[in-house]
Amino acid sequence: MPALAGSDPIACCIGIASRSRAQAAVLNRHVSRACQSRGFFPRPTRIVKKTISSPFTFFFKFVFPALWVAIGLFVLFRSVLDPNTKDLFLVILFLIVWTGVPTLINYWNNFPLKRVHLDDSLLYVSNYVEEITIPLSSIDYVQASAYPWMGWWRWPPYRIVITLKNPSEFGEKILIIPGFYYKDVVNELRTAMDAQSRRS
């Protein structure tokens, strides 16, 4: 081996070993890809989350109540500052009703709303500050809640109520506006719950 005559034997051995490891790693990658493409090795599964709550949840939870109160406060300040206002007491009383009653309705109707994603085994529930995961096995039952007689006071009129077996960080009930037809949301949740119970 004349090419190695003036070389350090130890350094030569280390170089050959390093090249061998690199070539083995490349070979292993090629073999792994070939096996995966032929179905010998399963590919890593990717968790797919589906949004089942409405994309307008944030609007009805935060924006709509804030706009309503802001309009009432704006009219109130204009009335107080306007010297031509004849009966300020009635104006203030009207605006208290204007802001107070909708605030109470939103507190009961919209403030508890959550953004919810679903996968094969978990619910991902968010109040836009914190997100928690709830196993599907922890759900007691799912039902639709509708009050069409309330009209625009509860718009959209349908809610999905997810009742848990044990209270979570967000309470025992998760309230959402359905992201698509409410009966389909209920059926999808129930189907996922049944599939999870069969796997466990």
Protein backbone atom coordinates (compact mmCIF):
# COMPACT_ATOMS: atom_id res chain seq x y z
CA MET A 1 0.00 0.00 0.00
CA PRO A 2 2.35 2.74 -1.18
CA ALA A 3 -0.20 5.52 -0.76
CA LEU A 4 -0.22 4.91 2.98
CA ALA A 5 3.54 4.48 3.38
CA GLY A 6 4.13 7.90 4.95
CA SER A 7 0.79 8.09 6.77
CA ASP A 8 -0.08 7.51 10.40
CA PRO A 9 -1.69 4.01 10.57
CA ILE A 10 -4.05 5.04 13.39
CA ALA A 11 -5.29 8.11 11.51
CA CYS A 12 -5.84 5.99 8.41
CA CYS A 13 -7.89 3.46 10.35
CA ILE A 14 -10.02 6.23 11.92
CA GLY A 15 -10.65 7.79 8.48
CA ILE A 16 -11.68 4.46 6.97
CA ALA A 17 -14.00 3.73 9.92
CA SER A 18 -15.64 7.20 9.65
CA ARG A 19 -16.28 6.72 5.92
CA SER A 20 -17.70 3.26 6.63
CA ARG A 21 -20.14 4.65 9.24
CA ALA A 22 -21.28 7.41 6.91
CA GLN A 23 -21.82 4.97 4.06
CA ALA A 24 -23.72 2.62 6.38
CA ALA A 25 -26.00 5.46 7.52
CA VAL A 26 -26.79 6.40 3.90
CA LEU A 27 -27.47 2.75 3.08
CA ASN A 28 -29.77 2.39 6.09
CA ARG A 29 -31.79 5.45 5.02
CA HIS A 30 -32.25 4.06 1.52
CA VAL A 31 -33.27 0.66 2.83
CA SER A 32 -35.73 2.19 5.30
CA ARG A 33 -37.40 4.30 2.60
CA ALA A 34 -37.63 1.30 0.28
CA CYS A 35 -39.20 -0.83 3.01
CA GLN A 36 -41.71 1.89 3.92
CA SER A 37 -42.71 2.35 0.29
CA ARG A 38 -43.41 -1.40 0.04
CA GLY A 39 -45.36 -1.49 3.30
CA PHE A 40 -42.82 -3.44 5.36
CA PHE A 41 -42.43 -0.69 7.96
CA PRO A 42 -45.40 1.51 8.96
CA ARG A 43 -44.95 5.20 8.35
CA PRO A 44 -45.17 7.48 11.39
CA THR A 45 -48.80 8.40 11.97
CA ARG A 46 -49.74 12.06 11.87
CA ILE A 47 -52.40 13.36 14.24
CA VAL A 48 -55.14 15.07 12.25
CA LYS A 49 -57.29 17.49 14.25
CA LYS A 50 -60.66 18.57 12.92
CA THR A 51 -62.26 21.81 14.03
CA ILE A 52 -65.84 21.20 15.13
CA SER A 53 -66.54 24.65 16.58
CA SER A 54 -67.49 27.65 14.49
CA PRO A 55 -64.77 30.00 13.18
CA PHE A 56 -67.01 32.83 14.48
CA THR A 57 -66.67 31.68 18.09
CA PHE A 58 -64.20 34.47 18.90
CA PHE A 59 -66.55 37.08 17.42
CA PHE A 60 -69.59 35.96 19.44
CA LYS A 61 -67.55 35.41 22.60
CA PHE A 62 -65.63 38.71 22.65
CA VAL A 63 -66.25 41.09 19.74
CA PHE A 64 -70.07 41.20 19.67
CA PRO A 65 -70.52 41.88 23.43
CA ALA A 66 -67.75 44.51 23.37
CA LEU A 67 -69.32 46.30 20.39
CA TRP A 68 -72.73 46.31 22.03
CA VAL A 69 -71.43 47.78 25.28
CA ALA A 70 -69.23 50.28 23.40
CA ILE A 71 -72.21 51.62 21.46
CA GLY A 72 -74.20 52.05 24.67
CA LEU A 73 -71.35 53.85 26.44
CA PHE A 74 -70.78 56.11 23.43
CA VAL A 75 -74.43 57.20 23.38
CA LEU A 76 -74.37 57.67 27.17
CA PHE A 77 -71.34 59.99 27.08
CA ARG A 78 -72.80 61.94 24.17
CA SER A 79 -76.04 62.42 26.10
CA VAL A 80 -74.24 63.53 29.26
CA LEU A 81 -72.12 66.04 27.39
CA ASP A 82 -74.98 67.38 25.27
CA PRO A 83 -76.56 70.43 26.95
CA ASN A 84 -79.77 69.94 24.94
CA THR A 85 -80.56 66.61 26.60
CA LYS A 86 -83.91 67.16 28.32
CA ASP A 87 -84.40 64.11 30.51
CA LEU A 88 -80.99 62.71 31.31
CA PHE A 89 -82.38 60.25 33.85
CA LEU A 90 -84.47 58.43 31.25
CA VAL A 91 -81.54 58.36 28.85
CA ILE A 92 -79.28 56.83 31.50
CA LEU A 93 -81.97 54.33 32.49
CA PHE A 94 -82.48 53.29 28.88
CA LEU A 95 -78.76 52.85 28.29
CA ILE A 96 -78.35 50.83 31.49
CA VAL A 97 -80.99 48.48 30.15
CA TRP A 98 -79.31 48.62 26.69
CA THR A 99 -75.95 47.53 28.07
CA GLY A 100 -76.93 45.58 31.18
CA VAL A 101 -79.48 43.14 29.78
CA PRO A 102 -77.35 42.09 26.75
CA THR A 103 -74.31 41.74 29.02
CA LEU A 104 -76.21 39.32 31.24
CA ILE A 105 -77.46 37.41 28.20
CA ASN A 106 -73.95 37.21 26.75
CA TYR A 107 -72.58 36.10 30.11
CA TRP A 108 -74.96 33.16 30.06
CA ASN A 109 -75.02 32.59 26.32
CA ASN A 110 -71.66 33.50 24.73
CA PHE A 111 -68.95 33.92 27.35
CA PRO A 112 -68.75 30.15 28.09
CA LEU A 113 -68.14 29.34 24.40
CA LYS A 114 -65.02 27.33 23.59
CA ARG A 115 -62.98 26.58 20.49
CA VAL A 116 -62.80 22.80 20.05
CA HIS A 117 -60.78 20.45 17.83
CA LEU A 118 -61.30 16.70 17.61
CA ASP A 119 -59.04 13.78 16.73
CA ASP A 120 -59.35 10.01 17.17
CA SER A 121 -58.95 10.03 20.93
CA LEU A 122 -58.95 13.59 22.28
CA LEU A 123 -60.82 16.86 22.40
CA TYR A 124 -58.65 20.00 22.27
CA VAL A 125 -60.58 22.69 24.13
CA SER A 126 -59.48 26.33 24.24
CA ASN A 127 -60.85 29.50 25.80
CA TYR A 128 -58.34 31.51 23.68
CA VAL A 129 -56.03 31.85 26.68
CA GLU A 130 -55.43 28.22 27.64
CA GLU A 131 -55.90 24.95 25.78
CA ILE A 132 -56.56 21.62 27.48
CA THR A 133 -57.01 18.09 26.17
CA ILE A 134 -59.92 15.90 27.21
CA PRO A 135 -60.00 12.17 26.40
CA LEU A 136 -63.10 11.09 24.50
CA SER A 137 -63.58 8.44 27.17
CA SER A 138 -64.21 11.27 29.68
CA ILE A 139 -67.29 12.50 27.80
CA ASP A 140 -70.58 11.46 29.35
CA TYR A 141 -72.95 12.58 26.60
CA VAL A 142 -73.39 15.13 23.81
CA GLN A 143 -76.54 17.02 22.92
CA ALA A 144 -77.72 19.97 20.86
CA SER A 145 -79.28 22.97 22.55
CA ALA A 146 -81.51 25.30 20.54
CA TYR A 147 -83.64 28.29 21.50
CA PRO A 148 -85.04 29.66 18.22
CA TRP A 149 -87.66 31.67 20.11
CA MET A 150 -84.92 33.94 21.46
CA GLY A 151 -84.31 35.26 17.95
CA TRP A 152 -81.27 37.49 17.52
CA TRP A 153 -80.61 37.49 21.28
CA ARG A 154 -79.07 34.09 20.73
CA TRP A 155 -77.53 34.06 17.29
CA PRO A 156 -76.70 31.54 15.97
CA PRO A 157 -79.43 29.73 17.91
CA TYR A 158 -77.78 26.31 18.11
CA ARG A 159 -75.22 25.23 20.67
CA ILE A 160 -73.56 21.87 21.28
CA VAL A 161 -73.27 20.91 24.94
CA ILE A 162 -70.56 18.36 25.77
CA THR A 163 -71.11 17.04 29.29
CA LEU A 164 -68.12 15.41 30.98
CA LYS A 165 -68.07 12.58 33.51
CA ASN A 166 -65.81 14.64 35.77
CA PRO A 167 -65.25 18.43 35.83
CA SER A 168 -62.30 19.74 33.81
CA GLU A 169 -60.42 23.01 34.14
CA PHE A 170 -63.30 24.58 32.16
CA GLY A 171 -66.05 22.95 34.19
CA GLU A 172 -68.32 20.00 33.66
CA LYS A 173 -69.88 21.26 30.42
CA ILE A 174 -68.18 22.43 27.23
CA LEU A 175 -70.34 24.77 25.14
CA ILE A 176 -69.61 25.36 21.45
CA ILE A 177 -71.19 26.90 18.39
CA PRO A 178 -71.15 24.11 15.78
CA GLY A 179 -68.78 24.67 12.90
CA PHE A 180 -71.14 22.91 10.49
CA TYR A 181 -74.67 21.48 10.64
CA TYR A 182 -75.30 20.90 14.34
CA LYS A 183 -76.71 17.38 13.92
CA ASP A 184 -73.59 16.36 12.00
CA VAL A 185 -71.38 17.70 14.80
CA VAL A 186 -73.33 15.70 17.38
CA ASN A 187 -73.16 12.55 15.25
CA GLU A 188 -69.43 12.97 14.63
CA LEU A 189 -68.73 13.33 18.33
CA ARG A 190 -70.86 10.31 19.19
CA THR A 191 -69.20 8.23 16.45
CA ALA A 192 -65.74 9.17 17.75
CA MET A 193 -66.80 8.28 21.30
CA ASP A 194 -68.10 4.87 20.17
CA ALA A 195 -64.90 4.15 18.24
CA GLN A 196 -62.78 5.10 21.24
CA SER A 197 -64.81 2.85 23.55
CA ARG A 198 -64.36 -0.09 21.17
CA ARG A 199 -60.58 0.44 21.10
CA SER A 200 -60.28 0.59 24.88
